[in-house]
C-alpha atoms as a PDB file:
ATOM      1  CA  MET A   1      37.324  58.017  14.247  1.00  0.00           C
ATOM      2  CA  THR A   2      37.174  54.543  12.670  1.00  0.00           C
ATOM      3  CA  THR A   3      36.916  51.819  15.280  1.00  0.00           C
ATOM      4  CA  ARG A   4      39.279  48.868  14.820  1.00  0.00           C
ATOM      5  CA  ALA A   5      37.929  45.354  15.388  1.00  0.00           C
ATOM      6  CA  LEU A   6      40.173  44.796  18.379  1.00  0.00           C
ATOM      7  CA  ILE A   7      40.176  44.371  22.145  1.00  0.00           C
ATOM      8  CA  LEU A   8      43.566  45.165  23.663  1.00  0.00           C
ATOM      9  CA  GLY A   9      45.309  45.039  27.040  1.00  0.00           C
ATOM     10  CA  CYS A  10      47.734  47.392  28.760  1.00  0.00           C
ATOM     11  CA  ALA A  11      50.870  46.783  30.799  1.00  0.00           C
ATOM     12  CA  GLY A  12      50.155  48.199  34.241  1.00  0.00           C
ATOM     13  CA  LYS A  13      47.813  49.937  36.651  1.00  0.00           C
ATOM     14  CA  SER A  14      47.895  53.166  34.661  1.00  0.00           C
ATOM     15  CA  LEU A  15      48.492  54.068  31.028  1.00  0.00           C
ATOM     16  CA  SER A  16      51.871  55.172  29.783  1.00  0.00           C
ATOM     17  CA  ALA A  17      52.001  58.066  27.350  1.00  0.00           C
ATOM     18  CA  GLU A  18      53.051  55.627  24.614  1.00  0.00           C
ATOM     19  CA  GLU A  19      50.097  53.344  25.307  1.00  0.00           C
ATOM     20  CA  ALA A  20      47.631  56.221  25.339  1.00  0.00           C
ATOM     21  CA  ALA A  21      48.963  57.523  22.012  1.00  0.00           C
ATOM     22  CA  PHE A  22      48.785  54.027  20.483  1.00  0.00           C
ATOM     23  CA  PHE A  23      45.190  53.506  21.584  1.00  0.00           C
ATOM     24  CA  ARG A  24      44.181  56.933  20.277  1.00  0.00           C
ATOM     25  CA  ASP A  25      45.714  56.070  16.911  1.00  0.00           C
ATOM     26  CA  VAL A  26      44.408  52.488  16.628  1.00  0.00           C
ATOM     27  CA  ALA A  27      40.971  53.116  18.228  1.00  0.00           C
ATOM     28  CA  PRO A  28      40.237  49.551  19.401  1.00  0.00           C
ATOM     29  CA  TRP A  29      36.622  48.612  20.038  1.00  0.00           C
ATOM     30  CA  GLY A  30      37.442  47.653  23.626  1.00  0.00           C
ATOM     31  CA  PHE A  31      39.997  46.719  26.259  1.00  0.00           C
ATOM     32  CA  ILE A  32      40.719  43.869  28.672  1.00  0.00           C
ATOM     33  CA  LEU A  33      42.173  43.963  32.186  1.00  0.00           C
ATOM     34  CA  PHE A  34      44.280  41.351  33.985  1.00  0.00           C
ATOM     35  CA  LYS A  35      45.608  41.015  37.510  1.00  0.00           C
ATOM     36  CA  ARG A  36      48.629  43.154  36.600  1.00  0.00           C
ATOM     37  CA  ASN A  37      46.212  46.046  35.990  1.00  0.00           C
ATOM     38  CA  ILE A  38      44.334  45.734  39.270  1.00  0.00           C
ATOM     39  CA  GLY A  39      45.170  48.010  42.194  1.00  0.00           C
ATOM     40  CA  THR A  40      42.726  49.644  44.568  1.00  0.00           C
ATOM     41  CA  PRO A  41      39.126  50.250  43.445  1.00  0.00           C
ATOM     42  CA  ASP A  42      39.966  53.918  42.829  1.00  0.00           C
ATOM     43  CA  GLU A  43      42.953  52.937  40.698  1.00  0.00           C
ATOM     44  CA  VAL A  44      40.915  50.511  38.605  1.00  0.00           C
ATOM     45  CA  LEU A  45      38.178  53.089  38.076  1.00  0.00           C
ATOM     46  CA  ALA A  46      40.778  55.667  37.009  1.00  0.00           C
ATOM     47  CA  LEU A  47      42.253  53.165  34.551  1.00  0.00           C
ATOM     48  CA  THR A  48      38.911  52.264  32.964  1.00  0.00           C
ATOM     49  CA  ARG A  49      38.128  55.965  32.555  1.00  0.00           C
ATOM     50  CA  ALA A  50      41.547  56.624  31.022  1.00  0.00           C
ATOM     51  CA  LEU A  51      41.111  53.757  28.560  1.00  0.00           C
ATOM     52  CA  ARG A  52      37.723  55.034  27.430  1.00  0.00           C
ATOM     53  CA  ASP A  53      39.122  58.553  27.103  1.00  0.00           C
ATOM     54  CA  THR A  54      41.670  57.330  24.538  1.00  0.00           C
ATOM     55  CA  VAL A  55      38.913  56.178  22.169  1.00  0.00           C
ATOM     56  CA  GLY A  56      36.331  58.825  23.067  1.00  0.00           C
ATOM     57  CA  ARG A  57      33.529  56.335  23.749  1.00  0.00           C
ATOM     58  CA  ALA A  58      31.908  56.229  27.181  1.00  0.00           C
ATOM     59  CA  ASP A  59      30.403  52.813  26.428  1.00  0.00           C
ATOM     60  CA  ALA A  60      33.611  51.217  25.119  1.00  0.00           C
ATOM     61  CA  PRO A  61      33.599  47.646  26.422  1.00  0.00           C
ATOM     62  CA  ILE A  62      36.137  46.845  29.116  1.00  0.00           C
ATOM     63  CA  LEU A  63      36.501  43.141  29.739  1.00  0.00           C
ATOM     64  CA  ILE A  64      37.917  40.996  32.507  1.00  0.00           C
ATOM     65  CA  ASP A  65      38.114  37.266  33.270  1.00  0.00           C
ATOM     66  CA  GLN A  66      36.220  37.072  36.546  1.00  0.00           C
ATOM     67  CA  GLU A  67      34.999  33.504  36.855  1.00  0.00           C
ATOM     68  CA  GLY A  68      35.894  32.748  40.466  1.00  0.00           C
ATOM     69  CA  GLY A  69      38.340  30.182  41.745  1.00  0.00           C
ATOM     70  CA  ARG A  70      41.714  30.243  40.013  1.00  0.00           C
ATOM     71  CA  VAL A  71      40.470  32.608  37.294  1.00  0.00           C
ATOM     72  CA  GLN A  72      39.660  35.768  39.219  1.00  0.00           C
ATOM     73  CA  ARG A  73      41.528  38.960  38.374  1.00  0.00           C
ATOM     74  CA  MET A  74      39.921  41.069  41.135  1.00  0.00           C
ATOM     75  CA  GLY A  75      40.156  39.517  44.582  1.00  0.00           C
ATOM     76  CA  PRO A  76      41.143  40.107  48.214  1.00  0.00           C
ATOM     77  CA  PRO A  77      41.801  42.428  49.905  1.00  0.00           C
ATOM     78  CA  HIS A  78      39.540  44.769  47.948  1.00  0.00           C
ATOM     79  CA  TRP A  79      37.012  42.251  46.590  1.00  0.00           C
ATOM     80  CA  PRO A  80      35.708  38.900  47.832  1.00  0.00           C
ATOM     81  CA  ALA A  81      37.097  35.565  46.696  1.00  0.00           C
ATOM     82  CA  TYR A  82      34.450  33.729  44.671  1.00  0.00           C
ATOM     83  CA  PRO A  83      34.247  29.947  44.276  1.00  0.00           C
ATOM     84  CA  ALA A  84      35.224  28.142  41.090  1.00  0.00           C
ATOM     85  CA  GLY A  85      32.388  27.241  38.738  1.00  0.00           C
ATOM     86  CA  GLY A  86      32.613  23.583  39.643  1.00  0.00           C
ATOM     87  CA  ARG A  87      31.528  24.409  43.179  1.00  0.00           C
ATOM     88  CA  PHE A  88      28.077  25.375  41.935  1.00  0.00           C
ATOM     89  CA  GLY A  89      27.796  22.184  39.958  1.00  0.00           C
ATOM     90  CA  ARG A  90      28.128  20.227  43.211  1.00  0.00           C
ATOM     91  CA  LEU A  91      25.367  22.077  45.025  1.00  0.00           C
ATOM     92  CA  ASP A  92      21.993  20.405  45.209  1.00  0.00           C
ATOM     93  CA  GLY A  93      18.747  22.268  44.687  1.00  0.00           C
ATOM     94  CA  SER A  94      20.300  25.705  45.211  1.00  0.00           C
ATOM     95  CA  ALA A  95      22.911  25.454  42.410  1.00  0.00           C
ATOM     96  CA  VAL A  96      21.158  27.591  39.826  1.00  0.00           C
ATOM     97  CA  ALA A  97      19.996  30.261  42.283  1.00  0.00           C
ATOM     98  CA  MET A  98      23.435  30.538  43.908  1.00  0.00           C
ATOM     99  CA  ALA A  99      25.255  30.676  40.576  1.00  0.00           C
ATOM    100  CA  GLU A 100      22.992  33.524  39.494  1.00  0.00           C
ATOM    101  CA  LEU A 101      23.415  35.323  42.820  1.00  0.00           C
ATOM    102  CA  GLY A 102      27.203  34.917  42.749  1.00  0.00           C
ATOM    103  CA  ALA A 103      27.327  36.362  39.234  1.00  0.00           C
ATOM    104  CA  ARG A 104      25.096  39.248  40.310  1.00  0.00           C
ATOM    105  CA  LEU A 105      27.513  40.028  43.133  1.00  0.00           C
ATOM    106  CA  MET A 106      30.467  39.845  40.747  1.00  0.00           C
ATOM    107  CA  ALA A 107      28.674  42.227  38.398  1.00  0.00           C
ATOM    108  CA  HIS A 108      28.270  44.692  41.268  1.00  0.00           C
ATOM    109  CA  ASP A 109      32.031  44.554  41.922  1.00  0.00           C
ATOM    110  CA  LEU A 110      32.878  45.013  38.248  1.00  0.00           C
ATOM    111  CA  ALA A 111      30.387  47.751  37.412  1.00  0.00           C
ATOM    112  CA  ASN A 112      31.578  49.839  40.367  1.00  0.00           C
ATOM    113  CA  VAL A 113      35.029  50.153  38.755  1.00  0.00           C
ATOM    114  CA  GLY A 114      33.839  50.699  35.194  1.00  0.00           C
ATOM    115  CA  ILE A 115      34.064  47.126  33.861  1.00  0.00           C
ATOM    116  CA  ASN A 116      31.068  46.193  31.737  1.00  0.00           C
ATOM    117  CA  VAL A 117      31.972  42.800  30.212  1.00  0.00           C
ATOM    118  CA  ASP A 118      32.909  39.554  31.983  1.00  0.00           C
ATOM    119  CA  CYS A 119      34.487  36.651  30.094  1.00  0.00           C
ATOM    120  CA  ALA A 120      32.084  34.117  31.587  1.00  0.00           C
ATOM    121  CA  PRO A 121      30.233  31.746  31.597  1.00  0.00           C
ATOM    122  CA  VAL A 122      32.580  28.855  30.816  1.00  0.00           C
ATOM    123  CA  LEU A 123      30.470  26.421  28.779  1.00  0.00           C
ATOM    124  CA  ASP A 124      33.142  23.777  28.191  1.00  0.00           C
ATOM    125  CA  VAL A 125      32.187  20.213  29.128  1.00  0.00           C
ATOM    126  CA  PRO A 126      35.249  18.363  30.465  1.00  0.00           C
ATOM    127  CA  VAL A 127      35.893  14.713  29.685  1.00  0.00           C
ATOM    128  CA  ALA A 128      37.981  12.175  31.567  1.00  0.00           C
ATOM    129  CA  GLY A 129      41.642  12.377  30.658  1.00  0.00           C
ATOM    130  CA  ALA A 130      41.509  15.940  29.313  1.00  0.00           C
ATOM    131  CA  HIS A 131      43.963  18.598  30.474  1.00  0.00           C
ATOM    132  CA  ASP A 132      42.876  20.376  33.652  1.00  0.00           C
ATOM    133  CA  VAL A 133      43.069  23.840  32.056  1.00  0.00           C
ATOM    134  CA  ILE A 134      39.256  23.718  32.295  1.00  0.00           C
ATOM    135  CA  GLY A 135      38.959  21.377  35.282  1.00  0.00           C
ATOM    136  CA  ASP A 136      37.048  22.973  38.152  1.00  0.00           C
ATOM    137  CA  ARG A 137      36.172  25.975  35.988  1.00  0.00           C
ATOM    138  CA  ALA A 138      33.452  23.794  34.425  1.00  0.00           C
ATOM    139  CA  TYR A 139      29.967  23.944  35.942  1.00  0.00           C
ATOM    140  CA  GLY A 140      29.433  20.225  35.580  1.00  0.00           C
ATOM    141  CA  THR A 141      30.237  17.159  33.524  1.00  0.00           C
ATOM    142  CA  THR A 142      27.092  16.993  31.390  1.00  0.00           C
ATOM    143  CA  PRO A 143      25.981  19.462  28.704  1.00  0.00           C
ATOM    144  CA  GLU A 144      22.656  19.928  30.456  1.00  0.00           C
ATOM    145  CA  ARG A 145      24.211  20.884  33.802  1.00  0.00           C
ATOM    146  CA  VAL A 146      26.766  23.177  32.176  1.00  0.00           C
ATOM    147  CA  ALA A 147      24.073  24.942  30.160  1.00  0.00           C
ATOM    148  CA  GLU A 148      21.721  25.301  33.139  1.00  0.00           C
ATOM    149  CA  ILE A 149      24.304  26.893  35.413  1.00  0.00           C
ATOM    150  CA  GLY A 150      25.897  28.841  32.565  1.00  0.00           C
ATOM    151  CA  ARG A 151      22.522  30.435  31.844  1.00  0.00           C
ATOM    152  CA  ALA A 152      22.194  31.444  35.498  1.00  0.00           C
ATOM    153  CA  VAL A 153      25.649  33.059  35.479  1.00  0.00           C
ATOM    154  CA  ALA A 154      24.835  35.007  32.314  1.00  0.00           C
ATOM    155  CA  LEU A 155      21.559  36.244  33.809  1.00  0.00           C
ATOM    156  CA  GLY A 156      23.213  37.322  37.042  1.00  0.00           C
ATOM    157  CA  LEU A 157      25.847  39.314  35.184  1.00  0.00           C
ATOM    158  CA  MET A 158      23.329  41.051  32.940  1.00  0.00           C
ATOM    159  CA  GLN A 159      21.101  41.940  35.891  1.00  0.00           C
ATOM    160  CA  GLY A 160      24.074  43.834  37.294  1.00  0.00           C
ATOM    161  CA  GLY A 161      24.862  45.707  34.078  1.00  0.00           C
ATOM    162  CA  VAL A 162      27.675  43.473  32.843  1.00  0.00           C
ATOM    163  CA  LEU A 163      27.630  41.587  29.536  1.00  0.00           C
ATOM    164  CA  PRO A 164      28.628  37.909  29.509  1.00  0.00           C
ATOM    165  CA  VAL A 165      31.020  36.288  27.031  1.00  0.00           C
ATOM    166  CA  MET A 166      30.472  32.542  26.702  1.00  0.00           C
ATOM    167  CA  LYS A 167      33.651  30.567  26.159  1.00  0.00           C
ATOM    168  CA  HIS A 168      35.367  28.686  24.604  1.00  0.00           C
ATOM    169  CA  ILE A 169      33.145  28.126  21.578  1.00  0.00           C
ATOM    170  CA  PRO A 170      32.656  25.488  20.149  1.00  0.00           C
ATOM    171  CA  GLY A 171      34.207  23.671  23.146  1.00  0.00           C
ATOM    172  CA  HIS A 172      37.531  23.259  24.983  1.00  0.00           C
ATOM    173  CA  GLY A 173      36.562  20.408  27.303  1.00  0.00           C
ATOM    174  CA  ARG A 174      38.321  17.621  25.370  1.00  0.00           C
ATOM    175  CA  ALA A 175      41.606  19.490  24.952  1.00  0.00           C
ATOM    176  CA  GLY A 176      44.648  17.423  25.866  1.00  0.00           C
ATOM    177  CA  CYS A 177      46.886  20.425  26.484  1.00  0.00           C
ATOM    178  CA  ASP A 178      46.652  24.026  27.649  1.00  0.00           C
ATOM    179  CA  SER A 179      46.182  26.301  24.618  1.00  0.00           C
ATOM    180  CA  HIS A 180      48.206  28.977  26.412  1.00  0.00           C
ATOM    181  CA  LYS A 181      51.210  26.702  25.885  1.00  0.00           C
ATOM    182  CA  GLY A 182      50.427  24.520  22.862  1.00  0.00           C
ATOM    183  CA  LEU A 183      47.828  23.612  20.260  1.00  0.00           C
ATOM    184  CA  PRO A 184      45.189  21.107  21.432  1.00  0.00           C
ATOM    185  CA  VAL A 185      44.021  18.601  18.814  1.00  0.00           C
ATOM    186  CA  VAL A 186      40.665  16.868  19.342  1.00  0.00           C
ATOM    187  CA  ASP A 187      39.914  13.721  17.312  1.00  0.00           C
ATOM    188  CA  ALA A 188      36.298  13.135  18.401  1.00  0.00           C
ATOM    189  CA  ASP A 189      33.751  12.523  15.654  1.00  0.00           C
ATOM    190  CA  LEU A 190      31.194  15.161  14.704  1.00  0.00           C
ATOM    191  CA  ALA A 191      28.262  13.301  16.284  1.00  0.00           C
ATOM    192  CA  SER A 192      30.017  13.171  19.672  1.00  0.00           C
ATOM    193  CA  LEU A 193      31.057  16.804  19.456  1.00  0.00           C
ATOM    194  CA  THR A 194      27.538  17.900  18.551  1.00  0.00           C
ATOM    195  CA  ALA A 195      25.910  15.908  21.349  1.00  0.00           C
ATOM    196  CA  GLN A 196      28.290  17.039  24.098  1.00  0.00           C
ATOM    197  CA  ASP A 197      30.745  19.835  23.316  1.00  0.00           C
ATOM    198  CA  PHE A 198      28.532  22.045  21.156  1.00  0.00           C
ATOM    199  CA  ALA A 199      25.323  21.499  23.138  1.00  0.00           C
ATOM    200  CA  PRO A 200      25.744  24.123  25.920  1.00  0.00           C
ATOM    201  CA  PHE A 201      26.652  26.781  23.367  1.00  0.00           C
ATOM    202  CA  ARG A 202      23.624  25.882  21.272  1.00  0.00           C
ATOM    203  CA  ALA A 203      21.431  26.189  24.374  1.00  0.00           C
ATOM    204  CA  LEU A 204      22.821  29.675  25.072  1.00  0.00           C
ATOM    205  CA  ALA A 205      23.203  30.832  21.469  1.00  0.00           C
ATOM    206  CA  ASP A 206      21.097  33.908  22.237  1.00  0.00           C
ATOM    207  CA  LEU A 207      23.847  35.423  24.409  1.00  0.00           C
ATOM    208  CA  PRO A 208      25.485  38.565  22.996  1.00  0.00           C
ATOM    209  CA  MET A 209      29.146  37.494  22.775  1.00  0.00           C
ATOM    210  CA  ALA A 210      31.343  34.419  22.576  1.00  0.00           C
ATOM    211  CA  MET A 211      35.076  33.682  22.667  1.00  0.00           C
ATOM    212  CA  SER A 212      36.584  31.150  20.285  1.00  0.00           C
ATOM    213  CA  ALA A 213      38.627  28.076  21.184  1.00  0.00           C
ATOM    214  CA  HIS A 214      42.207  27.689  19.950  1.00  0.00           C
ATOM    215  CA  VAL A 215      41.526  23.983  19.355  1.00  0.00           C
ATOM    216  CA  VAL A 216      41.836  21.843  16.203  1.00  0.00           C
ATOM    217  CA  PHE A 217      38.848  19.577  15.565  1.00  0.00           C
ATOM    218  CA  THR A 218      40.110  16.994  13.086  1.00  0.00           C
ATOM    219  CA  ALA A 219      36.597  15.888  12.128  1.00  0.00           C
ATOM    220  CA  LEU A 220      35.952  19.402  10.819  1.00  0.00           C
ATOM    221  CA  ASP A 221      39.252  21.033   9.884  1.00  0.00           C
ATOM    222  CA  PRO A 222      42.473  19.119  10.628  1.00  0.00           C
ATOM    223  CA  ASP A 223      44.658  22.037   9.532  1.00  0.00           C
ATOM    224  CA  HIS A 224      43.410  25.017  11.530  1.00  0.00           C
ATOM    225  CA  PRO A 225      42.299  25.781  15.100  1.00  0.00           C
ATOM    226  CA  ALA A 226      38.688  26.910  15.406  1.00  0.00           C
ATOM    227  CA  THR A 227      39.771  30.551  15.785  1.00  0.00           C
ATOM    228  CA  GLN A 228      41.298  30.463  12.292  1.00  0.00           C
ATOM    229  CA  SER A 229      38.960  27.974  10.623  1.00  0.00           C
ATOM    230  CA  ALA A 230      36.245  29.206   8.266  1.00  0.00           C
ATOM    231  CA  LEU A 231      34.859  25.651   8.273  1.00  0.00           C
ATOM    232  CA  VAL A 232      34.386  25.629  12.043  1.00  0.00           C
ATOM    233  CA  ILE A 233      33.079  29.184  12.243  1.00  0.00           C
ATOM    234  CA  GLU A 234      30.621  28.860   9.362  1.00  0.00           C
ATOM    235  CA  ARG A 235      29.536  25.245   9.729  1.00  0.00           C
ATOM    236  CA  VAL A 236      29.558  24.888  13.509  1.00  0.00           C
ATOM    237  CA  ILE A 237      29.491  28.234  15.329  1.00  0.00           C
ATOM    238  CA  ARG A 238      27.156  30.041  12.938  1.00  0.00           C
ATOM    239  CA  GLY A 239      25.492  26.842  11.675  1.00  0.00           C
ATOM    240  CA  ILE A 240      25.059  23.910  14.080  1.00  0.00           C
ATOM    241  CA  ILE A 241      25.240  26.098  17.191  1.00  0.00           C
ATOM    242  CA  GLY A 242      23.297  28.951  15.584  1.00  0.00           C
ATOM    243  CA  PHE A 243      25.248  31.763  17.235  1.00  0.00           C
ATOM    244  CA  ASP A 244      24.840  35.130  15.509  1.00  0.00           C
ATOM    245  CA  GLY A 245      26.341  37.267  18.257  1.00  0.00           C
ATOM    246  CA  LEU A 246      29.762  38.914  18.388  1.00  0.00           C
ATOM    247  CA  LEU A 247      32.531  36.333  18.025  1.00  0.00           C
ATOM    248  CA  MET A 248      35.910  37.311  19.465  1.00  0.00           C
ATOM    249  CA  THR A 249      39.125  35.337  19.420  1.00  0.00           C
ATOM    250  CA  ASP A 250      40.708  33.915  22.500  1.00  0.00           C
ATOM    251  CA  ASP A 251      44.002  35.677  23.207  1.00  0.00           C
ATOM    252  CA  LEU A 252      46.005  36.028  19.999  1.00  0.00           C
ATOM    253  CA  SER A 253      49.256  35.888  21.975  1.00  0.00           C
ATOM    254  CA  MET A 254      48.676  32.306  23.142  1.00  0.00           C
ATOM    255  CA  HIS A 255      51.163  29.677  21.953  1.00  0.00           C
ATOM    256  CA  ALA A 256      48.428  27.577  20.346  1.00  0.00           C
ATOM    257  CA  LEU A 257      48.677  29.980  17.385  1.00  0.00           C
ATOM    258  CA  GLN A 258      51.686  30.056  15.119  1.00  0.00           C
ATOM    259  CA  GLY A 259      53.439  32.738  13.082  1.00  0.00           C
ATOM    260  CA  GLY A 260      53.844  36.463  13.447  1.00  0.00           C
ATOM    261  CA  PHE A 261      51.150  38.572  15.017  1.00  0.00           C
ATOM    262  CA  ARG A 262      49.974  40.204  11.817  1.00  0.00           C
ATOM    263  CA  PRO A 263      49.487  36.915   9.906  1.00  0.00           C
ATOM    264  CA  ARG A 264      47.862  35.090  12.820  1.00  0.00           C
ATOM    265  CA  THR A 265      45.440  38.003  13.190  1.00  0.00           C
ATOM    266  CA  GLU A 266      44.713  38.135   9.471  1.00  0.00           C
ATOM    267  CA  ALA A 267      44.017  34.394   9.479  1.00  0.00           C
ATOM    268  CA  ALA A 268      41.413  34.784  12.233  1.00  0.00           C
ATOM    269  CA  PHE A 269      39.580  37.562  10.398  1.00  0.00           C
ATOM    270  CA  ALA A 270      39.743  35.681   7.101  1.00  0.00           C
ATOM    271  CA  ALA A 271      38.011  32.775   8.860  1.00  0.00           C
ATOM    272  CA  GLY A 272      35.107  34.940  10.012  1.00  0.00           C
ATOM    273  CA  ILE A 273      36.039  36.287  13.452  1.00  0.00           C
ATOM    274  CA  ASP A 274      34.374  39.601  14.338  1.00  0.00           C
ATOM    275  CA  VAL A 275      36.883  41.006  16.844  1.00  0.00           C
ATOM    276  CA  GLY A 276      40.473  40.090  17.714  1.00  0.00           C
ATOM    277  CA  LEU A 277      41.585  39.879  21.350  1.00  0.00           C
ATOM    278  CA  HIS A 278      45.166  40.497  22.476  1.00  0.00           C
ATOM    279  CA  CYS A 279      45.785  40.379  26.195  1.00  0.00           C
ATOM    280  CA  ASN A 280      49.370  40.666  27.426  1.00  0.00           C
ATOM    281  CA  GLY A 281      49.888  44.408  26.986  1.00  0.00           C
ATOM    282  CA  ASP A 282      53.046  44.023  24.863  1.00  0.00           C
ATOM    283  CA  LEU A 283      53.068  47.059  22.572  1.00  0.00           C
ATOM    284  CA  THR A 284      55.283  45.431  19.962  1.00  0.00           C
ATOM    285  CA  GLU A 285      52.906  42.500  19.629  1.00  0.00           C
ATOM    286  CA  MET A 286      49.879  44.811  19.627  1.00  0.00           C
ATOM    287  CA  ARG A 287      51.299  46.802  16.734  1.00  0.00           C
ATOM    288  CA  GLY A 288      51.471  43.613  14.660  1.00  0.00           C
ATOM    289  CA  VAL A 289      47.939  42.641  15.679  1.00  0.00           C
ATOM    290  CA  ALA A 290      46.656  46.106  14.760  1.00  0.00           C
ATOM    291  CA  GLU A 291      48.279  45.829  11.320  1.00  0.00           C
ATOM    292  CA  GLY A 292      46.315  42.639  10.710  1.00  0.00           C
ATOM    293  CA  ALA A 293      42.941  43.807  12.028  1.00  0.00           C
ATOM    294  CA  PRO A 294      40.306  45.549   9.893  1.00  0.00           C
ATOM    295  CA  ALA A 295      37.929  48.335  10.798  1.00  0.00           C
ATOM    296  CA  LEU A 296      34.833  47.163  12.640  1.00  0.00           C
ATOM    297  CA  ALA A 297      32.269  47.115   9.829  1.00  0.00           C
ATOM    298  CA  GLY A 298      29.442  45.202   8.176  1.00  0.00           C
ATOM    299  CA  ALA A 299      27.905  42.291  10.071  1.00  0.00           C
ATOM    300  CA  SER A 300      30.598  42.551  12.744  1.00  0.00           C
ATOM    301  CA  LEU A 301      29.691  46.161  13.461  1.00  0.00           C
ATOM    302  CA  ARG A 302      26.020  45.201  13.657  1.00  0.00           C
ATOM    303  CA  ARG A 303      26.824  42.415  16.125  1.00  0.00           C
ATOM    304  CA  ALA A 304      28.942  44.791  18.234  1.00  0.00           C
ATOM    305  CA  HIS A 305      26.106  47.335  18.361  1.00  0.00           C
ATOM    306  CA  ASP A 306      23.598  44.610  19.211  1.00  0.00           C
ATOM    307  CA  ALA A 307      25.807  43.345  22.045  1.00  0.00           C
ATOM    308  CA  LEU A 308      26.199  46.755  23.675  1.00  0.00           C
ATOM    309  CA  ALA A 309      22.477  47.383  23.277  1.00  0.00           C
ATOM    310  CA  ARG A 310      21.903  44.480  25.678  1.00  0.00           C
ATOM    311  CA  LEU A 311      23.452  46.499  28.526  1.00  0.00           C
ATOM    312  CA  PRO A 312      20.633  47.701  30.792  1.00  0.00           C
ATOM    313  CA  ALA A 313      20.263  51.445  31.255  1.00  0.00           C
ATOM    314  CA  GLY A 314      20.633  50.935  35.003  1.00  0.00           C
ATOM    315  CA  ALA A 315      20.787  48.001  37.353  1.00  0.00           C
ATOM    316  CA  PRO A 316      17.712  47.497  39.569  1.00  0.00           C
ATOM    317  CA  ALA A 317      17.931  48.096  43.318  1.00  0.00           C
ATOM    318  CA  PHE A 318      20.116  45.479  44.942  1.00  0.00           C
ATOM    319  CA  ASP A 319      20.908  44.968  48.622  1.00  0.00           C
ATOM    320  CA  VAL A 320      24.540  43.922  48.300  1.00  0.00           C
ATOM    321  CA  ARG A 321      25.100  43.245  51.987  1.00  0.00           C
ATOM    322  CA  GLU A 322      22.053  40.999  52.322  1.00  0.00           C
ATOM    323  CA  ALA A 323      22.805  39.192  49.064  1.00  0.00           C
ATOM    324  CA  ARG A 324      26.416  38.556  50.005  1.00  0.00           C
ATOM    325  CA  ALA A 325      25.441  37.211  53.407  1.00  0.00           C
ATOM    326  CA  ARG A 326      22.886  34.891  51.798  1.00  0.00           C
ATOM    327  CA  PHE A 327      25.411  33.732  49.201  1.00  0.00           C
ATOM    328  CA  GLU A 328      28.135  32.992  51.751  1.00  0.00           C
ATOM    329  CA  ALA A 329      25.719  31.221  54.072  1.00  0.00           C
ATOM    330  CA  ALA A 330      24.543  28.917  51.271  1.00  0.00           C
ATOM    331  CA  LEU A 331      28.107  28.022  50.312  1.00  0.00           C
ATOM    332  CA  ALA A 332      29.066  27.417  53.954  1.00  0.00           C
ATOM    333  CA  MET A 333      26.070  25.135  54.458  1.00  0.00           C
ATOM    334  CA  ALA A 334      26.930  23.153  51.323  1.00  0.00           C
ATOM    335  CA  ALA A 335      30.525  22.762  52.480  1.00  0.00           C
END
């Protein structure tokens, strides 16, 4: 079976017969879950197994956005509520250790239900006056702080058997609007972007995967968002930042992108994206995306293999109860 360079969502807590048949036919590289897909732990585990069964790959990546704060797809009553990333940035000497521990606990939650990829850390550096779509999701307001805590989050996830996806490369922190609803245009000069926005991604360029930003950078390519810009991908992401890992799009259904789903997907791959991501579970949209997506091959296939090879064979012994008590006590003391 030829694997398609896609990550796709589904509509509910279990697969419909139509969805299962579509996934068997298209054979996406992986899947992504949202809150609409989350029931009890047993239901989530059954869903992740069913998704992998459709493509016949036990290691097929299954992603989720589990950052903490307002971006947390798995939460109470079955899983703890985790703090937003900005909370760690405000801690004193314990910030890095607690960020790593929190991510390790999240990884435990995710791995137990068959999820092996988390769309974190957020490496965007917010600036005054920008839209709050990043806001308290950011680990700090300086590239150094964001990179330091972002590294800790990535390490914590990988220690628990979950791969991190750094986002939103090459930077969403200056965006003046929410790319879910419109197309952000950033007019900063290249020197400013390199010194601030690109810096955390450059510091963590060794991570296995990254998610692109649906943002236009006029200093680089005034006509295309980064997701669909060969100039940004080649000159900045692969060049200035030096990232040679798997590059996936942000959600192709977001309103920052224009046109039908086949052409918007084709534009992303023509620009140099490795894998397309479509999240909302709409089968009609997914059919258009699948028409525009190639087989996973060449350098993209190599990057996909390299990413999955970073998954540890088994997580080391971990006292979840003790770690959670220590984590909650540290946050309570800081509060």
